[in-house]
Amino acid sequence: MKKFILVLTIAALAATTFVASAESPSTELGKQARIQMPQAREIALKAYPGKIVKEELEQEKGGSGLRYSFDIANGKVTHEVGVDAKTGKLLENSIEGADND
């Protein structure tokens, strides 16, 4: 029973996180991106197959300075995959740590 409640809680949190982060990126950042979210998702999932549990468009150092950031779960491992929003280049593919956003 405890395992079922834990799984249900994790699923609810994951769904809430995905819905909250899947909202349209800010209009200003979206205008700067040459690569659109669906294309960036494809690139990210080729780099690390799994289920996207969080996604966002953000300004961050590296590449063009504008990137899509995805948290992709596969089994018990979650990777953070970064895709440059102007070039489509893969910027990051690393295991998501406890101290990451």
C-alpha atoms as a PDB file:
ATOM      1  CA  MET A   1       0.000   0.000   0.000  1.00  0.00           C
ATOM      2  CA  LYS A   2       2.819   2.421   0.865  1.00  0.00           C
ATOM      3  CA  LYS A   3       4.493   1.659  -2.464  1.00  0.00           C
ATOM      4  CA  PHE A   4       1.247   2.387  -4.335  1.00  0.00           C
ATOM      5  CA  ILE A   5       0.820   5.734  -2.563  1.00  0.00           C
ATOM      6  CA  LEU A   6       4.444   6.637  -3.290  1.00  0.00           C
ATOM      7  CA  VAL A   7       4.058   5.792  -6.990  1.00  0.00           C
ATOM      8  CA  LEU A   8       0.799   7.729  -7.183  1.00  0.00           C
ATOM      9  CA  THR A   9       2.378  10.757  -5.484  1.00  0.00           C
ATOM     10  CA  ILE A  10       5.383  10.711  -7.811  1.00  0.00           C
ATOM     11  CA  ALA A  11       3.125  10.422 -10.862  1.00  0.00           C
ATOM     12  CA  ALA A  12       0.993  13.355  -9.698  1.00  0.00           C
ATOM     13  CA  LEU A  13       4.060  15.512  -9.053  1.00  0.00           C
ATOM     14  CA  ALA A  14       5.548  14.634 -12.429  1.00  0.00           C
ATOM     15  CA  ALA A  15       2.294  15.479 -14.225  1.00  0.00           C
ATOM     16  CA  THR A  16       2.005  18.791 -12.373  1.00  0.00           C
ATOM     17  CA  THR A  17       5.614  19.696 -13.168  1.00  0.00           C
ATOM     18  CA  PHE A  18       5.196  18.841 -16.852  1.00  0.00           C
ATOM     19  CA  VAL A  19       1.972  20.833 -17.218  1.00  0.00           C
ATOM     20  CA  ALA A  20       3.440  23.854 -15.435  1.00  0.00           C
ATOM     21  CA  SER A  21       6.649  23.833 -17.464  1.00  0.00           C
ATOM     22  CA  ALA A  22       5.011  23.054 -20.825  1.00  0.00           C
ATOM     23  CA  GLU A  23       3.245  26.394 -20.942  1.00  0.00           C
ATOM     24  CA  SER A  24       4.348  28.770 -23.674  1.00  0.00           C
ATOM     25  CA  PRO A  25       7.771  30.292 -23.109  1.00  0.00           C
ATOM     26  CA  SER A  26       7.918  34.014 -22.614  1.00  0.00           C
ATOM     27  CA  THR A  27       7.073  35.804 -25.820  1.00  0.00           C
ATOM     28  CA  GLU A  28      10.407  37.609 -25.905  1.00  0.00           C
ATOM     29  CA  LEU A  29      12.515  34.451 -25.556  1.00  0.00           C
ATOM     30  CA  GLY A  30      10.272  32.609 -27.988  1.00  0.00           C
ATOM     31  CA  LYS A  31      10.851  35.297 -30.609  1.00  0.00           C
ATOM     32  CA  GLN A  32      14.625  34.844 -30.305  1.00  0.00           C
ATOM     33  CA  ALA A  33      14.532  31.075 -30.816  1.00  0.00           C
ATOM     34  CA  ARG A  34      15.195  29.777 -34.334  1.00  0.00           C
ATOM     35  CA  ILE A  35      14.497  26.181 -33.269  1.00  0.00           C
ATOM     36  CA  GLN A  36      10.958  25.530 -32.050  1.00  0.00           C
ATOM     37  CA  MET A  37      10.068  23.401 -29.009  1.00  0.00           C
ATOM     38  CA  PRO A  38       8.914  20.331 -31.021  1.00  0.00           C
ATOM     39  CA  GLN A  39      12.240  20.226 -32.911  1.00  0.00           C
ATOM     40  CA  ALA A  40      14.183  20.678 -29.680  1.00  0.00           C
ATOM     41  CA  ARG A  41      12.234  17.810 -28.085  1.00  0.00           C
ATOM     42  CA  GLU A  42      13.215  15.498 -30.958  1.00  0.00           C
ATOM     43  CA  ILE A  43      16.887  16.439 -30.611  1.00  0.00           C
ATOM     44  CA  ALA A  44      16.779  15.912 -26.837  1.00  0.00           C
ATOM     45  CA  LEU A  45      15.044  12.533 -27.075  1.00  0.00           C
ATOM     46  CA  LYS A  46      17.582  11.320 -29.660  1.00  0.00           C
ATOM     47  CA  ALA A  47      20.344  12.234 -27.205  1.00  0.00           C
ATOM     48  CA  TYR A  48      18.628  10.500 -24.281  1.00  0.00           C
ATOM     49  CA  PRO A  49      15.479   8.462 -24.946  1.00  0.00           C
ATOM     50  CA  GLY A  50      12.841   8.490 -22.226  1.00  0.00           C
ATOM     51  CA  LYS A  51       9.935  10.583 -20.990  1.00  0.00           C
ATOM     52  CA  ILE A  52      10.237  14.360 -20.784  1.00  0.00           C
ATOM     53  CA  VAL A  53       9.144  15.388 -17.275  1.00  0.00           C
ATOM     54  CA  LYS A  54      10.177  19.046 -17.435  1.00  0.00           C
ATOM     55  CA  GLU A  55      10.973  21.461 -20.234  1.00  0.00           C
ATOM     56  CA  GLU A  56      11.731  25.155 -20.444  1.00  0.00           C
ATOM     57  CA  LEU A  57      13.229  27.816 -22.663  1.00  0.00           C
ATOM     58  CA  GLU A  58      15.824  29.814 -20.757  1.00  0.00           C
ATOM     59  CA  GLN A  59      18.749  32.144 -21.064  1.00  0.00           C
ATOM     60  CA  GLU A  60      21.890  30.453 -19.829  1.00  0.00           C
ATOM     61  CA  LYS A  61      25.613  30.639 -20.487  1.00  0.00           C
ATOM     62  CA  GLY A  62      26.947  28.430 -23.243  1.00  0.00           C
ATOM     63  CA  GLY A  63      26.137  28.186 -26.921  1.00  0.00           C
ATOM     64  CA  SER A  64      24.079  31.115 -28.150  1.00  0.00           C
ATOM     65  CA  GLY A  65      22.907  31.880 -24.617  1.00  0.00           C
ATOM     66  CA  LEU A  66      19.344  30.706 -25.315  1.00  0.00           C
ATOM     67  CA  ARG A  67      18.513  27.071 -24.715  1.00  0.00           C
ATOM     68  CA  TYR A  68      15.800  24.551 -24.208  1.00  0.00           C
ATOM     69  CA  SER A  69      16.351  22.533 -21.071  1.00  0.00           C
ATOM     70  CA  PHE A  70      14.707  19.123 -20.695  1.00  0.00           C
ATOM     71  CA  ASP A  71      14.601  16.719 -17.776  1.00  0.00           C
ATOM     72  CA  ILE A  72      14.173  13.260 -19.298  1.00  0.00           C
ATOM     73  CA  ALA A  73      13.393  10.248 -17.123  1.00  0.00           C
ATOM     74  CA  ASN A  74      14.344   6.732 -18.160  1.00  0.00           C
ATOM     75  CA  GLY A  75      13.818   4.187 -15.419  1.00  0.00           C
ATOM     76  CA  LYS A  76      15.273   5.537 -12.198  1.00  0.00           C
ATOM     77  CA  VAL A  77      17.670   7.903 -13.993  1.00  0.00           C
ATOM     78  CA  THR A  78      16.835  11.447 -15.045  1.00  0.00           C
ATOM     79  CA  HIS A  79      19.081  13.337 -17.438  1.00  0.00           C
ATOM     80  CA  GLU A  80      19.186  17.050 -18.077  1.00  0.00           C
ATOM     81  CA  VAL A  81      19.481  17.628 -21.812  1.00  0.00           C
ATOM     82  CA  GLY A  82      20.166  21.103 -23.181  1.00  0.00           C
ATOM     83  CA  VAL A  83      19.545  22.122 -26.790  1.00  0.00           C
ATOM     84  CA  ASP A  84      20.659  25.471 -28.212  1.00  0.00           C
ATOM     85  CA  ALA A  85      17.475  27.321 -29.242  1.00  0.00           C
ATOM     86  CA  LYS A  86      19.211  29.143 -32.092  1.00  0.00           C
ATOM     87  CA  THR A  87      21.333  26.369 -33.632  1.00  0.00           C
ATOM     88  CA  GLY A  88      19.778  23.085 -32.461  1.00  0.00           C
ATOM     89  CA  LYS A  89      23.169  21.956 -31.167  1.00  0.00           C
ATOM     90  CA  LEU A  90      23.221  19.594 -28.182  1.00  0.00           C
ATOM     91  CA  LEU A  91      24.719  21.533 -25.258  1.00  0.00           C
ATOM     92  CA  GLU A  92      24.277  19.137 -22.345  1.00  0.00           C
ATOM     93  CA  ASN A  93      23.393  15.532 -21.636  1.00  0.00           C
ATOM     94  CA  SER A  94      24.134  14.710 -18.012  1.00  0.00           C
ATOM     95  CA  ILE A  95      22.594  12.935 -15.063  1.00  0.00           C
ATOM     96  CA  GLU A  96      20.300  15.286 -13.163  1.00  0.00           C
ATOM     97  CA  GLY A  97      21.679  15.778  -9.658  1.00  0.00           C
ATOM     98  CA  ALA A  98      19.787  16.447  -6.432  1.00  0.00           C
ATOM     99  CA  ASP A  99      21.005  20.051  -6.374  1.00  0.00           C
ATOM    100  CA  ASN A 100      19.819  20.906  -9.912  1.00  0.00           C
ATOM    101  CA  ASP A 101      16.621  22.854 -10.668  1.00  0.00           C
END
